[in-house]
Amino acid sequence: MTQAHIIVSGYVQGVWYRKFVKTNAEKLGLTGWARNIPEGRVEALVQGSQESIEELIELCREGPPFAEVKDVEIDWEEGELAFKVFEIV
């Protein structure tokens, strides 16, 4: 299964960024999770079709209205464990 490990830097905590990722991931039929991590970043692990994941990555580069995205790091991986839903952890 195709998956991407995504880390977003900038002003992305406290602006509904994780909810933004969850909502868009669900619209695109993706599964996985998103969470806040140190230094004000957001981390996500997303599974599904490569095309849908790439679309989500482009949305992550913009973010919700009050976010200020500075960088989006992506590591493509082969997923061993399949998630059933997308959740905020």
N, C-alpha and C. Protein backbone atom coordinates (compact mmCIF):
# COMPACT_ATOMS: atom_id res chain seq x y z
N MET A 1 0.84 -1.18 0.00
CA MET A 1 0.00 0.00 0.00
C MET A 1 0.88 1.24 0.00
N THR A 2 0.51 2.22 -0.81
CA THR A 2 1.27 3.46 -0.87
C THR A 2 0.92 4.34 0.32
N GLN A 3 1.94 4.93 0.91
CA GLN A 3 1.70 5.86 1.99
C GLN A 3 2.76 6.95 1.97
N ALA A 4 2.39 8.09 2.55
CA ALA A 4 3.31 9.21 2.67
C ALA A 4 3.35 9.66 4.11
N HIS A 5 4.56 9.89 4.59
CA HIS A 5 4.79 10.46 5.91
C HIS A 5 5.06 11.94 5.68
N ILE A 6 4.22 12.81 6.23
CA ILE A 6 4.27 14.24 5.94
C ILE A 6 4.54 15.02 7.22
N ILE A 7 5.46 15.98 7.15
CA ILE A 7 5.71 16.89 8.27
C ILE A 7 5.59 18.31 7.74
N VAL A 8 4.70 19.07 8.38
CA VAL A 8 4.42 20.44 7.95
C VAL A 8 4.95 21.40 9.01
N SER A 9 5.75 22.37 8.56
CA SER A 9 6.33 23.38 9.45
C SER A 9 5.73 24.74 9.16
N GLY A 10 5.78 25.60 10.17
CA GLY A 10 5.26 26.95 10.04
C GLY A 10 4.29 27.22 11.17
N TYR A 11 3.36 28.12 10.95
CA TYR A 11 2.33 28.40 11.94
C TYR A 11 1.16 27.48 11.63
N VAL A 12 1.22 26.24 12.16
CA VAL A 12 0.24 25.22 11.81
C VAL A 12 -0.43 24.57 13.01
N GLN A 13 -0.11 25.02 14.21
CA GLN A 13 -0.79 24.52 15.39
C GLN A 13 -1.70 25.63 15.92
N GLY A 14 -2.89 25.24 16.37
CA GLY A 14 -3.84 26.20 16.90
C GLY A 14 -4.64 26.92 15.82
N VAL A 15 -4.58 26.42 14.58
CA VAL A 15 -5.31 27.04 13.46
C VAL A 15 -6.17 26.00 12.73
N TRP A 16 -6.52 24.91 13.41
CA TRP A 16 -7.35 23.85 12.85
C TRP A 16 -6.68 23.11 11.70
N TYR A 17 -5.35 23.06 11.70
CA TYR A 17 -4.63 22.40 10.61
C TYR A 17 -4.91 20.90 10.58
N ARG A 18 -4.86 20.23 11.73
CA ARG A 18 -5.11 18.78 11.75
C ARG A 18 -6.52 18.46 11.25
N LYS A 19 -7.49 19.24 11.65
CA LYS A 19 -8.87 19.04 11.20
C LYS A 19 -8.95 19.26 9.68
N PHE A 20 -8.22 20.25 9.17
CA PHE A 20 -8.15 20.52 7.74
C PHE A 20 -7.61 19.30 6.99
N VAL A 21 -6.54 18.70 7.52
CA VAL A 21 -5.95 17.52 6.89
C VAL A 21 -6.94 16.36 6.93
N LYS A 22 -7.56 16.13 8.09
CA LYS A 22 -8.53 15.04 8.24
C LYS A 22 -9.70 15.20 7.27
N THR A 23 -10.28 16.37 7.21
CA THR A 23 -11.43 16.62 6.34
C THR A 23 -11.08 16.35 4.88
N ASN A 24 -9.93 16.86 4.44
CA ASN A 24 -9.53 16.68 3.04
C ASN A 24 -9.10 15.25 2.75
N ALA A 25 -8.46 14.60 3.69
CA ALA A 25 -8.08 13.20 3.50
C ALA A 25 -9.33 12.34 3.33
N GLU A 26 -10.34 12.58 4.15
CA GLU A 26 -11.57 11.80 4.04
C GLU A 26 -12.26 12.06 2.70
N LYS A 27 -12.28 13.30 2.24
CA LYS A 27 -12.88 13.63 0.94
C LYS A 27 -12.18 12.89 -0.20
N LEU A 28 -10.87 12.69 -0.04
CA LEU A 28 -10.07 12.03 -1.07
C LEU A 28 -10.01 10.51 -0.90
N GLY A 29 -10.69 9.99 0.12
CA GLY A 29 -10.72 8.55 0.34
C GLY A 29 -9.44 8.00 0.95
N LEU A 30 -8.72 8.83 1.69
CA LEU A 30 -7.46 8.43 2.30
C LEU A 30 -7.67 8.03 3.76
N THR A 31 -6.76 7.24 4.27
CA THR A 31 -6.79 6.84 5.67
C THR A 31 -5.46 7.18 6.31
N GLY A 32 -5.40 7.11 7.66
CA GLY A 32 -4.17 7.40 8.38
C GLY A 32 -4.43 8.25 9.60
N TRP A 33 -3.50 9.15 9.89
CA TRP A 33 -3.63 10.00 11.08
C TRP A 33 -2.85 11.30 10.92
N ALA A 34 -3.19 12.26 11.80
CA ALA A 34 -2.46 13.53 11.89
C ALA A 34 -2.32 13.88 13.36
N ARG A 35 -1.19 14.50 13.71
CA ARG A 35 -0.97 14.90 15.11
C ARG A 35 -0.02 16.08 15.17
N ASN A 36 -0.08 16.81 16.30
CA ASN A 36 0.88 17.88 16.57
C ASN A 36 2.17 17.24 17.08
N ILE A 37 3.30 17.81 16.69
CA ILE A 37 4.59 17.36 17.20
C ILE A 37 5.38 18.59 17.65
N PRO A 38 6.50 18.40 18.36
CA PRO A 38 7.27 19.52 18.87
C PRO A 38 7.67 20.55 17.82
N GLU A 39 8.01 21.73 18.30
CA GLU A 39 8.44 22.86 17.48
C GLU A 39 7.32 23.39 16.60
N GLY A 40 6.06 23.16 17.01
CA GLY A 40 4.92 23.73 16.31
C GLY A 40 4.60 23.11 14.97
N ARG A 41 5.05 21.88 14.75
CA ARG A 41 4.81 21.21 13.47
C ARG A 41 3.63 20.25 13.55
N VAL A 42 3.15 19.83 12.39
CA VAL A 42 2.11 18.81 12.29
C VAL A 42 2.66 17.66 11.47
N GLU A 43 2.40 16.45 11.96
CA GLU A 43 2.86 15.23 11.29
C GLU A 43 1.64 14.44 10.85
N ALA A 44 1.70 13.83 9.68
CA ALA A 44 0.61 12.98 9.20
C ALA A 44 1.19 11.76 8.50
N LEU A 45 0.49 10.66 8.62
CA LEU A 45 0.79 9.45 7.89
C LEU A 45 -0.47 9.13 7.10
N VAL A 46 -0.35 9.12 5.78
CA VAL A 46 -1.52 9.03 4.91
C VAL A 46 -1.38 7.83 3.97
N GLN A 47 -2.45 7.05 3.83
CA GLN A 47 -2.45 5.89 2.95
C GLN A 47 -3.57 5.99 1.92
N GLY A 48 -3.31 5.47 0.73
CA GLY A 48 -4.31 5.44 -0.33
C GLY A 48 -3.63 5.49 -1.68
N SER A 49 -4.34 5.97 -2.69
CA SER A 49 -3.75 6.05 -4.02
C SER A 49 -2.72 7.18 -4.07
N GLN A 50 -1.69 6.99 -4.86
CA GLN A 50 -0.66 8.01 -4.97
C GLN A 50 -1.25 9.33 -5.47
N GLU A 51 -2.16 9.26 -6.41
CA GLU A 51 -2.78 10.46 -6.97
C GLU A 51 -3.52 11.26 -5.88
N SER A 52 -4.29 10.56 -5.05
CA SER A 52 -5.03 11.23 -3.97
C SER A 52 -4.09 11.79 -2.91
N ILE A 53 -3.03 11.04 -2.61
CA ILE A 53 -2.05 11.53 -1.63
C ILE A 53 -1.37 12.79 -2.16
N GLU A 54 -1.01 12.81 -3.44
CA GLU A 54 -0.38 13.99 -4.03
C GLU A 54 -1.32 15.20 -3.99
N GLU A 55 -2.61 14.95 -4.19
CA GLU A 55 -3.59 16.03 -4.11
C GLU A 55 -3.66 16.58 -2.68
N LEU A 56 -3.64 15.68 -1.69
CA LEU A 56 -3.65 16.12 -0.29
C LEU A 56 -2.39 16.92 0.03
N ILE A 57 -1.24 16.48 -0.48
CA ILE A 57 0.01 17.20 -0.23
C ILE A 57 -0.08 18.64 -0.75
N GLU A 58 -0.66 18.81 -1.92
CA GLU A 58 -0.83 20.17 -2.47
C GLU A 58 -1.73 21.00 -1.56
N LEU A 59 -2.78 20.40 -1.04
CA LEU A 59 -3.65 21.11 -0.11
C LEU A 59 -2.90 21.46 1.18
N CYS A 60 -2.02 20.55 1.63
CA CYS A 60 -1.23 20.80 2.84
C CYS A 60 -0.29 21.99 2.65
N ARG A 61 0.18 22.20 1.44
CA ARG A 61 1.07 23.33 1.17
C ARG A 61 0.35 24.67 1.36
N GLU A 62 -0.98 24.66 1.18
CA GLU A 62 -1.78 25.87 1.38
C GLU A 62 -2.28 25.97 2.81
N GLY A 63 -2.86 24.89 3.32
CA GLY A 63 -3.39 24.86 4.66
C GLY A 63 -4.69 25.62 4.81
N PRO A 64 -5.25 25.61 6.02
CA PRO A 64 -6.49 26.34 6.29
C PRO A 64 -6.22 27.85 6.32
N PRO A 65 -7.28 28.67 6.36
CA PRO A 65 -7.13 30.13 6.23
C PRO A 65 -6.11 30.81 7.14
N PHE A 66 -5.98 30.42 8.41
CA PHE A 66 -5.09 31.14 9.31
C PHE A 66 -3.71 30.52 9.45
N ALA A 67 -3.45 29.44 8.73
CA ALA A 67 -2.14 28.79 8.79
C ALA A 67 -1.14 29.53 7.91
N GLU A 68 0.12 29.40 8.28
CA GLU A 68 1.23 29.92 7.47
C GLU A 68 2.22 28.78 7.29
N VAL A 69 2.09 28.08 6.18
CA VAL A 69 2.93 26.92 5.91
C VAL A 69 4.27 27.39 5.36
N LYS A 70 5.35 26.94 6.02
CA LYS A 70 6.69 27.28 5.55
C LYS A 70 7.34 26.14 4.79
N ASP A 71 7.06 24.91 5.20
CA ASP A 71 7.71 23.77 4.56
C ASP A 71 6.86 22.52 4.72
N VAL A 72 6.88 21.67 3.71
CA VAL A 72 6.20 20.38 3.76
C VAL A 72 7.22 19.32 3.35
N GLU A 73 7.57 18.45 4.29
CA GLU A 73 8.51 17.36 4.02
C GLU A 73 7.69 16.10 3.75
N ILE A 74 8.06 15.37 2.71
CA ILE A 74 7.33 14.15 2.36
C ILE A 74 8.31 13.00 2.20
N ASP A 75 7.99 11.88 2.84
CA ASP A 75 8.72 10.63 2.65
C ASP A 75 7.71 9.60 2.16
N TRP A 76 7.92 9.11 0.94
CA TRP A 76 7.06 8.05 0.39
C TRP A 76 7.54 6.72 0.93
N GLU A 77 6.59 5.89 1.35
CA GLU A 77 6.91 4.60 1.95
C GLU A 77 5.93 3.54 1.45
N GLU A 78 6.28 2.30 1.65
CA GLU A 78 5.34 1.20 1.43
C GLU A 78 4.75 0.88 2.79
N GLY A 79 3.44 0.98 2.90
CA GLY A 79 2.77 0.73 4.17
C GLY A 79 2.57 -0.75 4.42
N GLU A 80 2.83 -1.16 5.63
CA GLU A 80 2.63 -2.55 6.01
C GLU A 80 1.28 -2.74 6.68
N LEU A 81 0.84 -1.74 7.39
CA LEU A 81 -0.39 -1.79 8.16
C LEU A 81 -1.41 -0.89 7.50
N ALA A 82 -2.57 -1.40 7.22
CA ALA A 82 -3.61 -0.59 6.58
C ALA A 82 -4.53 0.02 7.63
N PHE A 83 -4.72 1.33 7.55
CA PHE A 83 -5.64 2.02 8.45
C PHE A 83 -7.05 1.94 7.85
N LYS A 84 -8.04 1.94 8.71
CA LYS A 84 -9.43 1.86 8.25
C LYS A 84 -10.07 3.23 8.11
N VAL A 85 -9.59 4.22 8.89
CA VAL A 85 -10.15 5.57 8.89
C VAL A 85 -9.01 6.57 8.97
N PHE A 86 -9.35 7.84 8.91
CA PHE A 86 -8.37 8.89 9.15
C PHE A 86 -8.75 9.53 10.48
N GLU A 87 -7.76 9.64 11.37
CA GLU A 87 -8.05 10.19 12.68
C GLU A 87 -6.99 11.19 13.13
N ILE A 88 -7.38 12.01 14.08
CA ILE A 88 -6.47 12.93 14.73
C ILE A 88 -6.01 12.26 16.00
N VAL A 89 -4.71 12.12 16.17
CA VAL A 89 -4.18 11.43 17.36
C VAL A 89 -3.37 12.38 18.22
